[in-house]
Amino acid sequence: MALISIPSTFGKGFAHLTSKLKEILVEVRGLSFDLVSGDSAETNIAVTGIATDDTLAFVLGIDADNGTPADQVKDFTSDMSITSAGNIQGGAGVDTSGYDLVVVWYNKDGS
């Protein structure tokens, strides 16, 4: 899911802006974080409070014990998706086991 965008044309009396403004503010208010352990590819990773209609903003993997410095910190954002309520998952070949994942998302209901 993508974040709600502001219409490029505001309309007479800013009608389009005011109709979307509340939705945008509620969504931004719902910025949420969780720290979870990674897992093997195509395996559900539990993230407390995430829902299927939320927007996954960032997934950062940290493995300080990795012997290869370039692999100690990885951006897994484009490889991850919300698969069900309370779960994210890496795609085929995306192994996050050994990483601590910092998951950042926008909660669509603003809670």
C-alpha atoms as a PDB file:
ATOM      1  CA  MET A   1       0.000   0.000   0.000  1.00  0.00           C
ATOM      2  CA  ALA A   2       1.164   3.522  -0.692  1.00  0.00           C
ATOM      3  CA  LEU A   3       0.790   6.603   1.419  1.00  0.00           C
ATOM      4  CA  ILE A   4      -2.160   8.845   0.621  1.00  0.00           C
ATOM      5  CA  SER A   5      -1.084  11.643  -1.688  1.00  0.00           C
ATOM      6  CA  ILE A   6      -2.249  15.229  -1.896  1.00  0.00           C
ATOM      7  CA  PRO A   7      -4.139  15.863  -5.161  1.00  0.00           C
ATOM      8  CA  SER A   8      -2.183  17.941  -7.678  1.00  0.00           C
ATOM      9  CA  THR A   9      -5.220  20.181  -8.202  1.00  0.00           C
ATOM     10  CA  PHE A  10      -6.944  21.472  -5.108  1.00  0.00           C
ATOM     11  CA  GLY A  11     -10.262  22.327  -6.719  1.00  0.00           C
ATOM     12  CA  LYS A  12     -12.560  25.246  -5.994  1.00  0.00           C
ATOM     13  CA  GLY A  13     -12.263  26.279  -2.348  1.00  0.00           C
ATOM     14  CA  PHE A  14      -9.568  23.624  -1.833  1.00  0.00           C
ATOM     15  CA  ALA A  15     -12.310  20.964  -1.859  1.00  0.00           C
ATOM     16  CA  HIS A  16      -9.966  18.148  -2.866  1.00  0.00           C
ATOM     17  CA  LEU A  17      -7.403  19.087  -0.233  1.00  0.00           C
ATOM     18  CA  THR A  18      -9.867  19.260   2.635  1.00  0.00           C
ATOM     19  CA  SER A  19     -11.424  15.926   1.699  1.00  0.00           C
ATOM     20  CA  LYS A  20      -8.026  14.183   1.881  1.00  0.00           C
ATOM     21  CA  LEU A  21      -6.344  16.208   4.621  1.00  0.00           C
ATOM     22  CA  LYS A  22      -7.878  14.268   7.511  1.00  0.00           C
ATOM     23  CA  GLU A  23      -6.902  10.922   5.940  1.00  0.00           C
ATOM     24  CA  ILE A  24      -3.334  12.137   5.392  1.00  0.00           C
ATOM     25  CA  LEU A  25      -2.952  13.410   8.964  1.00  0.00           C
ATOM     26  CA  VAL A  26      -4.396  10.222  10.463  1.00  0.00           C
ATOM     27  CA  GLU A  27      -2.017   8.121   8.400  1.00  0.00           C
ATOM     28  CA  VAL A  28       1.093  10.133   9.314  1.00  0.00           C
ATOM     29  CA  ARG A  29       0.066  10.042  12.978  1.00  0.00           C
ATOM     30  CA  GLY A  30       0.170   6.236  12.702  1.00  0.00           C
ATOM     31  CA  LEU A  31       3.943   5.968  12.218  1.00  0.00           C
ATOM     32  CA  SER A  32       4.897   2.712  13.954  1.00  0.00           C
ATOM     33  CA  PHE A  33       8.119   0.813  14.729  1.00  0.00           C
ATOM     34  CA  ASP A  34       8.986  -2.702  15.817  1.00  0.00           C
ATOM     35  CA  LEU A  35      12.216  -4.645  16.297  1.00  0.00           C
ATOM     36  CA  VAL A  36      11.937  -8.299  15.264  1.00  0.00           C
ATOM     37  CA  SER A  37      14.219 -11.192  14.371  1.00  0.00           C
ATOM     38  CA  GLY A  38      14.648 -12.040  10.711  1.00  0.00           C
ATOM     39  CA  ASP A  39      13.896 -15.453   9.245  1.00  0.00           C
ATOM     40  CA  SER A  40      14.406 -17.520   6.106  1.00  0.00           C
ATOM     41  CA  ALA A  41      12.927 -16.530   2.749  1.00  0.00           C
ATOM     42  CA  GLU A  42       9.154 -16.784   2.307  1.00  0.00           C
ATOM     43  CA  THR A  43       8.604 -17.269   6.056  1.00  0.00           C
ATOM     44  CA  ASN A  44       6.189 -15.081   8.017  1.00  0.00           C
ATOM     45  CA  ILE A  45       7.891 -12.728  10.468  1.00  0.00           C
ATOM     46  CA  ALA A  46       5.599 -11.543  13.273  1.00  0.00           C
ATOM     47  CA  VAL A  47       5.266  -7.751  13.562  1.00  0.00           C
ATOM     48  CA  THR A  48       2.902  -6.707  16.337  1.00  0.00           C
ATOM     49  CA  GLY A  49       0.158  -4.369  15.137  1.00  0.00           C
ATOM     50  CA  ILE A  50       0.845  -4.347  11.400  1.00  0.00           C
ATOM     51  CA  ALA A  51      -2.207  -4.841   9.148  1.00  0.00           C
ATOM     52  CA  THR A  52      -2.558  -5.769   5.490  1.00  0.00           C
ATOM     53  CA  ASP A  53      -3.737  -2.282   4.489  1.00  0.00           C
ATOM     54  CA  ASP A  54      -0.844  -0.504   6.259  1.00  0.00           C
ATOM     55  CA  THR A  55       2.104   0.999   4.369  1.00  0.00           C
ATOM     56  CA  LEU A  56       5.489  -0.606   4.913  1.00  0.00           C
ATOM     57  CA  ALA A  57       7.933   2.326   4.939  1.00  0.00           C
ATOM     58  CA  PHE A  58      11.319   0.811   5.845  1.00  0.00           C
ATOM     59  CA  VAL A  59      12.868  -2.502   6.871  1.00  0.00           C
ATOM     60  CA  LEU A  60      16.456  -2.234   8.088  1.00  0.00           C
ATOM     61  CA  GLY A  61      18.455  -5.386   8.827  1.00  0.00           C
ATOM     62  CA  ILE A  62      21.283  -5.247  11.372  1.00  0.00           C
ATOM     63  CA  ASP A  63      23.749  -8.115  11.884  1.00  0.00           C
ATOM     64  CA  ALA A  64      26.697  -6.740  13.865  1.00  0.00           C
ATOM     65  CA  ASP A  65      28.325 -10.195  14.031  1.00  0.00           C
ATOM     66  CA  ASN A  66      28.506 -10.588  10.246  1.00  0.00           C
ATOM     67  CA  GLY A  67      32.146 -10.999   9.158  1.00  0.00           C
ATOM     68  CA  THR A  68      31.546  -8.986   5.988  1.00  0.00           C
ATOM     69  CA  PRO A  69      31.228  -5.294   6.926  1.00  0.00           C
ATOM     70  CA  ALA A  70      29.073  -4.557   3.861  1.00  0.00           C
ATOM     71  CA  ASP A  71      26.540  -7.141   5.086  1.00  0.00           C
ATOM     72  CA  GLN A  72      26.257  -5.859   8.666  1.00  0.00           C
ATOM     73  CA  VAL A  73      23.513  -3.368   7.723  1.00  0.00           C
ATOM     74  CA  LYS A  74      21.076  -3.983   4.851  1.00  0.00           C
ATOM     75  CA  ASP A  75      17.990  -2.263   3.501  1.00  0.00           C
ATOM     76  CA  PHE A  76      15.368  -4.982   2.957  1.00  0.00           C
ATOM     77  CA  THR A  77      12.474  -2.581   2.261  1.00  0.00           C
ATOM     78  CA  SER A  78      11.955  -3.426  -1.400  1.00  0.00           C
ATOM     79  CA  ASP A  79      12.191  -7.168  -0.656  1.00  0.00           C
ATOM     80  CA  MET A  80       9.529  -7.295   2.063  1.00  0.00           C
ATOM     81  CA  SER A  81       5.743  -7.209   2.014  1.00  0.00           C
ATOM     82  CA  ILE A  82       2.883  -7.432   4.482  1.00  0.00           C
ATOM     83  CA  THR A  83       1.447 -10.907   3.969  1.00  0.00           C
ATOM     84  CA  SER A  84      -1.272 -11.007   6.619  1.00  0.00           C
ATOM     85  CA  ALA A  85      -2.354  -9.208   9.783  1.00  0.00           C
ATOM     86  CA  GLY A  86       0.680  -9.241  12.072  1.00  0.00           C
ATOM     87  CA  ASN A  87       3.154 -10.615   9.508  1.00  0.00           C
ATOM     88  CA  ILE A  88       5.713  -9.487   6.951  1.00  0.00           C
ATOM     89  CA  GLN A  89       7.689 -11.730   4.667  1.00  0.00           C
ATOM     90  CA  GLY A  90      10.710 -11.586   2.390  1.00  0.00           C
ATOM     91  CA  GLY A  91      10.296 -12.768  -1.168  1.00  0.00           C
ATOM     92  CA  ALA A  92      11.945 -15.782  -2.796  1.00  0.00           C
ATOM     93  CA  GLY A  93      15.658 -15.796  -2.042  1.00  0.00           C
ATOM     94  CA  VAL A  94      15.439 -13.041   0.604  1.00  0.00           C
ATOM     95  CA  ASP A  95      16.955 -14.603   3.716  1.00  0.00           C
ATOM     96  CA  THR A  96      16.899 -12.261   6.715  1.00  0.00           C
ATOM     97  CA  SER A  97      17.853 -14.897   9.292  1.00  0.00           C
ATOM     98  CA  GLY A  98      20.641 -13.663  11.546  1.00  0.00           C
ATOM     99  CA  TYR A  99      19.449 -10.070  11.192  1.00  0.00           C
ATOM    100  CA  ASP A 100      17.552  -7.962  13.685  1.00  0.00           C
ATOM    101  CA  LEU A 101      14.956  -6.084  11.626  1.00  0.00           C
ATOM    102  CA  VAL A 102      13.825  -2.563  12.389  1.00  0.00           C
ATOM    103  CA  VAL A 103      10.381  -2.401  10.779  1.00  0.00           C
ATOM    104  CA  VAL A 104       8.806   1.023  10.173  1.00  0.00           C
ATOM    105  CA  TRP A 105       5.271   1.347   8.837  1.00  0.00           C
ATOM    106  CA  TYR A 106       2.333   3.702   8.646  1.00  0.00           C
ATOM    107  CA  ASN A 107      -0.740   2.359  10.393  1.00  0.00           C
ATOM    108  CA  LYS A 108      -3.672   3.305   8.132  1.00  0.00           C
ATOM    109  CA  ASP A 109      -6.110   3.710  11.032  1.00  0.00           C
ATOM    110  CA  GLY A 110      -3.692   6.035  12.840  1.00  0.00           C
ATOM    111  CA  SER A 111      -3.467   3.992  16.038  1.00  0.00           C
END
